[in-house]
Amino acid sequence: MKIEYFPDTDSLYIDLADRPGADTREIEEGIVLDVDEHGRAVGLDIDQASKHLSLRTLNLNRLPFAVEQTA
């Protein structure tokens, strides 16, 4: 999984799977789910992310893998 924030557009993309997206589904205004050819989630795109969630902190708890930190 990869989370990437784009400050110039205030959008946040959460890459959920290493598969190509084939379709999109708008969950609510500004929040779009990318799905593969079988309808399985591969990514989540949040436009105007700072209006939908707090971008000040990210809490990662009880993950079954090492956390790679980048800035």
PDB file of N, CA and C in Angstrom:
ATOM      1  N   MET A   1       0.852  -1.158   0.000  1.00  0.00           N
ATOM      2  CA  MET A   1       0.000   0.000   0.000  1.00  0.00           C
ATOM      3  C   MET A   1       0.902   1.228   0.000  1.00  0.00           C
ATOM      4  N   LYS A   2       0.463   2.242  -0.727  1.00  0.00           N
ATOM      5  CA  LYS A   2       1.207   3.490  -0.799  1.00  0.00           C
ATOM      6  C   LYS A   2       0.211   4.640  -0.674  1.00  0.00           C
ATOM      7  N   ILE A   3       0.573   5.628   0.130  1.00  0.00           N
ATOM      8  CA  ILE A   3      -0.258   6.818   0.299  1.00  0.00           C
ATOM      9  C   ILE A   3       0.551   8.004  -0.197  1.00  0.00           C
ATOM     10  N   GLU A   4      -0.043   8.779  -1.083  1.00  0.00           N
ATOM     11  CA  GLU A   4       0.670   9.920  -1.647  1.00  0.00           C
ATOM     12  C   GLU A   4      -0.237  11.146  -1.648  1.00  0.00           C
ATOM     13  N   TYR A   5       0.324  12.266  -1.173  1.00  0.00           N
ATOM     14  CA  TYR A   5      -0.418  13.525  -1.124  1.00  0.00           C
ATOM     15  C   TYR A   5       0.164  14.492  -2.148  1.00  0.00           C
ATOM     16  N   PHE A   6      -0.706  15.173  -2.863  1.00  0.00           N
ATOM     17  CA  PHE A   6      -0.309  16.138  -3.878  1.00  0.00           C
ATOM     18  C   PHE A   6      -0.779  17.523  -3.431  1.00  0.00           C
ATOM     19  N   PRO A   7       0.119  18.318  -2.825  1.00  0.00           N
ATOM     20  CA  PRO A   7      -0.298  19.607  -2.263  1.00  0.00           C
ATOM     21  C   PRO A   7      -0.804  20.609  -3.300  1.00  0.00           C
ATOM     22  N   ASP A   8      -0.298  20.554  -4.517  1.00  0.00           N
ATOM     23  CA  ASP A   8      -0.731  21.515  -5.533  1.00  0.00           C
ATOM     24  C   ASP A   8      -2.205  21.360  -5.894  1.00  0.00           C
ATOM     25  N   THR A   9      -2.756  20.149  -5.735  1.00  0.00           N
ATOM     26  CA  THR A   9      -4.173  19.916  -6.020  1.00  0.00           C
ATOM     27  C   THR A   9      -4.960  19.539  -4.761  1.00  0.00           C
ATOM     28  N   ASP A  10      -4.282  19.481  -3.610  1.00  0.00           N
ATOM     29  CA  ASP A  10      -4.892  19.064  -2.342  1.00  0.00           C
ATOM     30  C   ASP A  10      -5.628  17.740  -2.514  1.00  0.00           C
ATOM     31  N   SER A  11      -4.945  16.776  -3.154  1.00  0.00           N
ATOM     32  CA  SER A  11      -5.547  15.455  -3.332  1.00  0.00           C
ATOM     33  C   SER A  11      -4.658  14.388  -2.702  1.00  0.00           C
ATOM     34  N   LEU A  12      -5.307  13.339  -2.239  1.00  0.00           N
ATOM     35  CA  LEU A  12      -4.622  12.230  -1.582  1.00  0.00           C
ATOM     36  C   LEU A  12      -4.984  10.962  -2.335  1.00  0.00           C
ATOM     37  N   TYR A  13      -3.973  10.163  -2.681  1.00  0.00           N
ATOM     38  CA  TYR A  13      -4.249   8.896  -3.357  1.00  0.00           C
ATOM     39  C   TYR A  13      -3.712   7.757  -2.510  1.00  0.00           C
ATOM     40  N   ILE A  14      -4.553   6.781  -2.245  1.00  0.00           N
ATOM     41  CA  ILE A  14      -4.162   5.586  -1.505  1.00  0.00           C
ATOM     42  C   ILE A  14      -4.171   4.431  -2.495  1.00  0.00           C
ATOM     43  N   ASP A  15      -2.983   3.936  -2.795  1.00  0.00           N
ATOM     44  CA  ASP A  15      -2.812   2.819  -3.725  1.00  0.00           C
ATOM     45  C   ASP A  15      -2.953   1.536  -2.913  1.00  0.00           C
ATOM     46  N   LEU A  16      -4.019   0.799  -3.131  1.00  0.00           N
ATOM     47  CA  LEU A  16      -4.341  -0.378  -2.329  1.00  0.00           C
ATOM     48  C   LEU A  16      -3.790  -1.687  -2.876  1.00  0.00           C
ATOM     49  N   ALA A  17      -3.567  -1.759  -4.174  1.00  0.00           N
ATOM     50  CA  ALA A  17      -3.139  -3.017  -4.789  1.00  0.00           C
ATOM     51  C   ALA A  17      -2.279  -2.730  -6.010  1.00  0.00           C
ATOM     52  N   ASP A  18      -1.446  -3.671  -6.325  1.00  0.00           N
ATOM     53  CA  ASP A  18      -0.566  -3.545  -7.490  1.00  0.00           C
ATOM     54  C   ASP A  18      -1.234  -4.158  -8.723  1.00  0.00           C
ATOM     55  N   ARG A  19      -2.446  -3.650  -9.001  1.00  0.00           N
ATOM     56  CA  ARG A  19      -3.192  -4.090 -10.185  1.00  0.00           C
ATOM     57  C   ARG A  19      -3.697  -2.841 -10.882  1.00  0.00           C
ATOM     58  N   PRO A  20      -3.838  -2.884 -12.176  1.00  0.00           N
ATOM     59  CA  PRO A  20      -4.345  -1.698 -12.880  1.00  0.00           C
ATOM     60  C   PRO A  20      -5.831  -1.478 -12.620  1.00  0.00           C
ATOM     61  N   GLY A  21      -6.206  -0.223 -12.572  1.00  0.00           N
ATOM     62  CA  GLY A  21      -7.615   0.128 -12.438  1.00  0.00           C
ATOM     63  C   GLY A  21      -8.311   0.019 -13.787  1.00  0.00           C
ATOM     64  N   ALA A  22      -9.553  -0.422 -13.767  1.00  0.00           N
ATOM     65  CA  ALA A  22     -10.327  -0.560 -14.993  1.00  0.00           C
ATOM     66  C   ALA A  22     -11.563   0.330 -14.987  1.00  0.00           C
ATOM     67  N   ASP A  23     -11.974   0.781 -13.790  1.00  0.00           N
ATOM     68  CA  ASP A  23     -13.186   1.591 -13.678  1.00  0.00           C
ATOM     69  C   ASP A  23     -13.092   2.416 -12.402  1.00  0.00           C
ATOM     70  N   THR A  24     -13.942   3.422 -12.286  1.00  0.00           N
ATOM     71  CA  THR A  24     -14.006   4.233 -11.076  1.00  0.00           C
ATOM     72  C   THR A  24     -15.442   4.295 -10.585  1.00  0.00           C
ATOM     73  N   ARG A  25     -15.566   4.456  -9.270  1.00  0.00           N
ATOM     74  CA  ARG A  25     -16.889   4.582  -8.650  1.00  0.00           C
ATOM     75  C   ARG A  25     -16.820   5.736  -7.658  1.00  0.00           C
ATOM     76  N   GLU A  26     -17.641   6.742  -7.869  1.00  0.00           N
ATOM     77  CA  GLU A  26     -17.658   7.864  -6.946  1.00  0.00           C
ATOM     78  C   GLU A  26     -18.454   7.464  -5.701  1.00  0.00           C
ATOM     79  N   ILE A  27     -17.787   7.439  -4.575  1.00  0.00           N
ATOM     80  CA  ILE A  27     -18.413   7.048  -3.310  1.00  0.00           C
ATOM     81  C   ILE A  27     -19.237   8.205  -2.756  1.00  0.00           C
ATOM     82  N   GLU A  28     -18.653   9.381  -2.797  1.00  0.00           N
ATOM     83  CA  GLU A  28     -19.349  10.627  -2.479  1.00  0.00           C
ATOM     84  C   GLU A  28     -18.599  11.722  -3.214  1.00  0.00           C
ATOM     85  N   GLU A  29     -19.126  12.917  -3.215  1.00  0.00           N
ATOM     86  CA  GLU A  29     -18.505  13.982  -3.984  1.00  0.00           C
ATOM     87  C   GLU A  29     -17.040  14.160  -3.576  1.00  0.00           C
ATOM     88  N   GLY A  30     -16.141  14.009  -4.551  1.00  0.00           N
ATOM     89  CA  GLY A  30     -14.714  14.194  -4.317  1.00  0.00           C
ATOM     90  C   GLY A  30     -13.972  12.962  -3.844  1.00  0.00           C
ATOM     91  N   ILE A  31     -14.666  11.859  -3.640  1.00  0.00           N
ATOM     92  CA  ILE A  31     -14.014  10.616  -3.206  1.00  0.00           C
ATOM     93  C   ILE A  31     -14.340   9.527  -4.223  1.00  0.00           C
ATOM     94  N   VAL A  32     -13.285   9.043  -4.887  1.00  0.00           N
ATOM     95  CA  VAL A  32     -13.458   8.087  -5.985  1.00  0.00           C
ATOM     96  C   VAL A  32     -12.691   6.802  -5.691  1.00  0.00           C
ATOM     97  N   LEU A  33     -13.349   5.677  -5.862  1.00  0.00           N
ATOM     98  CA  LEU A  33     -12.746   4.360  -5.695  1.00  0.00           C
ATOM     99  C   LEU A  33     -12.365   3.816  -7.067  1.00  0.00           C
ATOM    100  N   ASP A  34     -11.105   3.445  -7.239  1.00  0.00           N
ATOM    101  CA  ASP A  34     -10.658   2.783  -8.464  1.00  0.00           C
ATOM    102  C   ASP A  34     -10.774   1.281  -8.257  1.00  0.00           C
ATOM    103  N   VAL A  35     -11.346   0.586  -9.232  1.00  0.00           N
ATOM    104  CA  VAL A  35     -11.519  -0.865  -9.145  1.00  0.00           C
ATOM    105  C   VAL A  35     -10.893  -1.534 -10.359  1.00  0.00           C
ATOM    106  N   ASP A  36     -10.517  -2.795 -10.191  1.00  0.00           N
ATOM    107  CA  ASP A  36      -9.947  -3.554 -11.307  1.00  0.00           C
ATOM    108  C   ASP A  36     -11.071  -4.161 -12.156  1.00  0.00           C
ATOM    109  N   GLU A  37     -10.705  -4.962 -13.111  1.00  0.00           N
ATOM    110  CA  GLU A  37     -11.701  -5.550 -14.028  1.00  0.00           C
ATOM    111  C   GLU A  37     -12.687  -6.480 -13.343  1.00  0.00           C
ATOM    112  N   HIS A  38     -12.365  -6.929 -12.106  1.00  0.00           N
ATOM    113  CA  HIS A  38     -13.256  -7.822 -11.359  1.00  0.00           C
ATOM    114  C   HIS A  38     -14.053  -7.063 -10.288  1.00  0.00           C
ATOM    115  N   GLY A  39     -13.906  -5.734 -10.272  1.00  0.00           N
ATOM    116  CA  GLY A  39     -14.635  -4.925  -9.303  1.00  0.00           C
ATOM    117  C   GLY A  39     -13.970  -4.825  -7.946  1.00  0.00           C
ATOM    118  N   ARG A  40     -12.725  -5.297  -7.829  1.00  0.00           N
ATOM    119  CA  ARG A  40     -11.995  -5.234  -6.559  1.00  0.00           C
ATOM    120  C   ARG A  40     -11.258  -3.904  -6.443  1.00  0.00           C
ATOM    121  N   ALA A  41     -11.258  -3.330  -5.257  1.00  0.00           N
ATOM    122  CA  ALA A  41     -10.639  -2.028  -5.021  1.00  0.00           C
ATOM    123  C   ALA A  41      -9.136  -2.075  -5.264  1.00  0.00           C
ATOM    124  N   VAL A  42      -8.636  -1.074  -5.990  1.00  0.00           N
ATOM    125  CA  VAL A  42      -7.191  -0.943  -6.221  1.00  0.00           C
ATOM    126  C   VAL A  42      -6.665   0.407  -5.755  1.00  0.00           C
ATOM    127  N   GLY A  43      -7.543   1.393  -5.555  1.00  0.00           N
ATOM    128  CA  GLY A  43      -7.085   2.697  -5.110  1.00  0.00           C
ATOM    129  C   GLY A  43      -8.229   3.594  -4.699  1.00  0.00           C
ATOM    130  N   LEU A  44      -7.879   4.612  -3.937  1.00  0.00           N
ATOM    131  CA  LEU A  44      -8.859   5.571  -3.462  1.00  0.00           C
ATOM    132  C   LEU A  44      -8.292   6.963  -3.683  1.00  0.00           C
ATOM    133  N   ASP A  45      -9.032   7.799  -4.384  1.00  0.00           N
ATOM    134  CA  ASP A  45      -8.610   9.157  -4.699  1.00  0.00           C
ATOM    135  C   ASP A  45      -9.517  10.136  -3.951  1.00  0.00           C
ATOM    136  N   ILE A  46      -8.907  11.019  -3.155  1.00  0.00           N
ATOM    137  CA  ILE A  46      -9.672  11.980  -2.362  1.00  0.00           C
ATOM    138  C   ILE A  46      -9.286  13.386  -2.808  1.00  0.00           C
ATOM    139  N   ASP A  47     -10.194  14.044  -3.519  1.00  0.00           N
ATOM    140  CA  ASP A  47      -9.988  15.430  -3.932  1.00  0.00           C
ATOM    141  C   ASP A  47     -10.306  16.343  -2.759  1.00  0.00           C
ATOM    142  N   GLN A  48      -9.619  17.479  -2.687  1.00  0.00           N
ATOM    143  CA  GLN A  48      -9.765  18.420  -1.574  1.00  0.00           C
ATOM    144  C   GLN A  48      -9.635  17.667  -0.250  1.00  0.00           C
ATOM    145  N   ALA A  49      -8.559  16.902  -0.154  1.00  0.00           N
ATOM    146  CA  ALA A  49      -8.345  16.008   0.982  1.00  0.00           C
ATOM    147  C   ALA A  49      -8.376  16.728   2.324  1.00  0.00           C
ATOM    148  N   SER A  50      -7.827  17.942   2.391  1.00  0.00           N
ATOM    149  CA  SER A  50      -7.796  18.661   3.667  1.00  0.00           C
ATOM    150  C   SER A  50      -9.190  19.021   4.159  1.00  0.00           C
ATOM    151  N   LYS A  51     -10.187  18.997   3.303  1.00  0.00           N
ATOM    152  CA  LYS A  51     -11.561  19.267   3.708  1.00  0.00           C
ATOM    153  C   LYS A  51     -12.270  18.001   4.200  1.00  0.00           C
ATOM    154  N   HIS A  52     -11.762  16.829   3.790  1.00  0.00           N
ATOM    155  CA  HIS A  52     -12.388  15.556   4.167  1.00  0.00           C
ATOM    156  C   HIS A  52     -11.746  14.918   5.403  1.00  0.00           C
ATOM    157  N   LEU A  53     -10.467  15.198   5.647  1.00  0.00           N
ATOM    158  CA  LEU A  53      -9.766  14.538   6.747  1.00  0.00           C
ATOM    159  C   LEU A  53      -8.602  15.390   7.227  1.00  0.00           C
ATOM    160  N   SER A  54      -8.089  15.042   8.388  1.00  0.00           N
ATOM    161  CA  SER A  54      -6.946  15.755   8.941  1.00  0.00           C
ATOM    162  C   SER A  54      -5.667  15.215   8.309  1.00  0.00           C
ATOM    163  N   LEU A  55      -4.858  16.115   7.794  1.00  0.00           N
ATOM    164  CA  LEU A  55      -3.594  15.711   7.167  1.00  0.00           C
ATOM    165  C   LEU A  55      -2.406  15.962   8.091  1.00  0.00           C
ATOM    166  N   ARG A  56      -2.675  16.235   9.355  1.00  0.00           N
ATOM    167  CA  ARG A  56      -1.605  16.558  10.304  1.00  0.00           C
ATOM    168  C   ARG A  56      -0.911  15.326  10.854  1.00  0.00           C
ATOM    169  N   THR A  57      -1.639  14.226  11.013  1.00  0.00           N
ATOM    170  CA  THR A  57      -1.039  13.014  11.582  1.00  0.00           C
ATOM    171  C   THR A  57      -1.538  11.775  10.840  1.00  0.00           C
ATOM    172  N   LEU A  58      -0.738  10.731  10.928  1.00  0.00           N
ATOM    173  CA  LEU A  58      -1.115   9.427  10.394  1.00  0.00           C
ATOM    174  C   LEU A  58      -0.713   8.400  11.442  1.00  0.00           C
ATOM    175  N   ASN A  59      -1.686   7.729  12.023  1.00  0.00           N
ATOM    176  CA  ASN A  59      -1.416   6.722  13.041  1.00  0.00           C
ATOM    177  C   ASN A  59      -1.426   5.334  12.407  1.00  0.00           C
ATOM    178  N   LEU A  60      -0.347   4.615  12.608  1.00  0.00           N
ATOM    179  CA  LEU A  60      -0.224   3.252  12.099  1.00  0.00           C
ATOM    180  C   LEU A  60      -0.053   2.323  13.301  1.00  0.00           C
ATOM    181  N   ASN A  61      -1.059   1.529  13.574  1.00  0.00           N
ATOM    182  CA  ASN A  61      -1.044   0.660  14.746  1.00  0.00           C
ATOM    183  C   ASN A  61      -1.206  -0.794  14.352  1.00  0.00           C
ATOM    184  N   ARG A  62      -0.432  -1.648  14.991  1.00  0.00           N
ATOM    185  CA  ARG A  62      -0.567  -3.103  14.872  1.00  0.00           C
ATOM    186  C   ARG A  62      -0.475  -3.613  13.436  1.00  0.00           C
ATOM    187  N   LEU A  63       0.368  -2.993  12.638  1.00  0.00           N
ATOM    188  CA  LEU A  63       0.548  -3.464  11.267  1.00  0.00           C
ATOM    189  C   LEU A  63       1.471  -4.678  11.268  1.00  0.00           C
ATOM    190  N   PRO A  64       1.166  -5.673  10.454  1.00  0.00           N
ATOM    191  CA  PRO A  64       1.962  -6.899  10.454  1.00  0.00           C
ATOM    192  C   PRO A  64       3.219  -6.802   9.577  1.00  0.00           C
ATOM    193  N   PHE A  65       3.802  -5.611   9.488  1.00  0.00           N
ATOM    194  CA  PHE A  65       4.997  -5.404   8.672  1.00  0.00           C
ATOM    195  C   PHE A  65       5.722  -4.159   9.148  1.00  0.00           C
ATOM    196  N   ALA A  66       6.961  -4.016   8.718  1.00  0.00           N
ATOM    197  CA  ALA A  66       7.748  -2.837   9.059  1.00  0.00           C
ATOM    198  C   ALA A  66       7.200  -1.631   8.295  1.00  0.00           C
ATOM    199  N   VAL A  67       7.228  -0.486   8.932  1.00  0.00           N
ATOM    200  CA  VAL A  67       6.731   0.738   8.319  1.00  0.00           C
ATOM    201  C   VAL A  67       7.911   1.521   7.774  1.00  0.00           C
ATOM    202  N   GLU A  68       7.849   1.813   6.472  1.00  0.00           N
ATOM    203  CA  GLU A  68       8.880   2.619   5.822  1.00  0.00           C
ATOM    204  C   GLU A  68       8.437   4.065   5.888  1.00  0.00           C
ATOM    205  N   GLN A  69       9.285   4.905   6.440  1.00  0.00           N
ATOM    206  CA  GLN A  69       8.911   6.306   6.597  1.00  0.00           C
ATOM    207  C   GLN A  69       9.650   7.148   5.579  1.00  0.00           C
ATOM    208  N   THR A  70       8.914   7.954   4.843  1.00  0.00           N
ATOM    209  CA  THR A  70       9.500   8.876   3.888  1.00  0.00           C
ATOM    210  C   THR A  70       8.878  10.240   4.074  1.00  0.00           C
ATOM    211  N   ALA A  71       9.566  11.234   3.610  1.00  0.00           N
ATOM    212  CA  ALA A  71       9.019  12.588   3.724  1.00  0.00           C
ATOM    213  C   ALA A  71       9.075  13.281   2.392  1.00  0.00           C
TER     214      ALA A  71
END
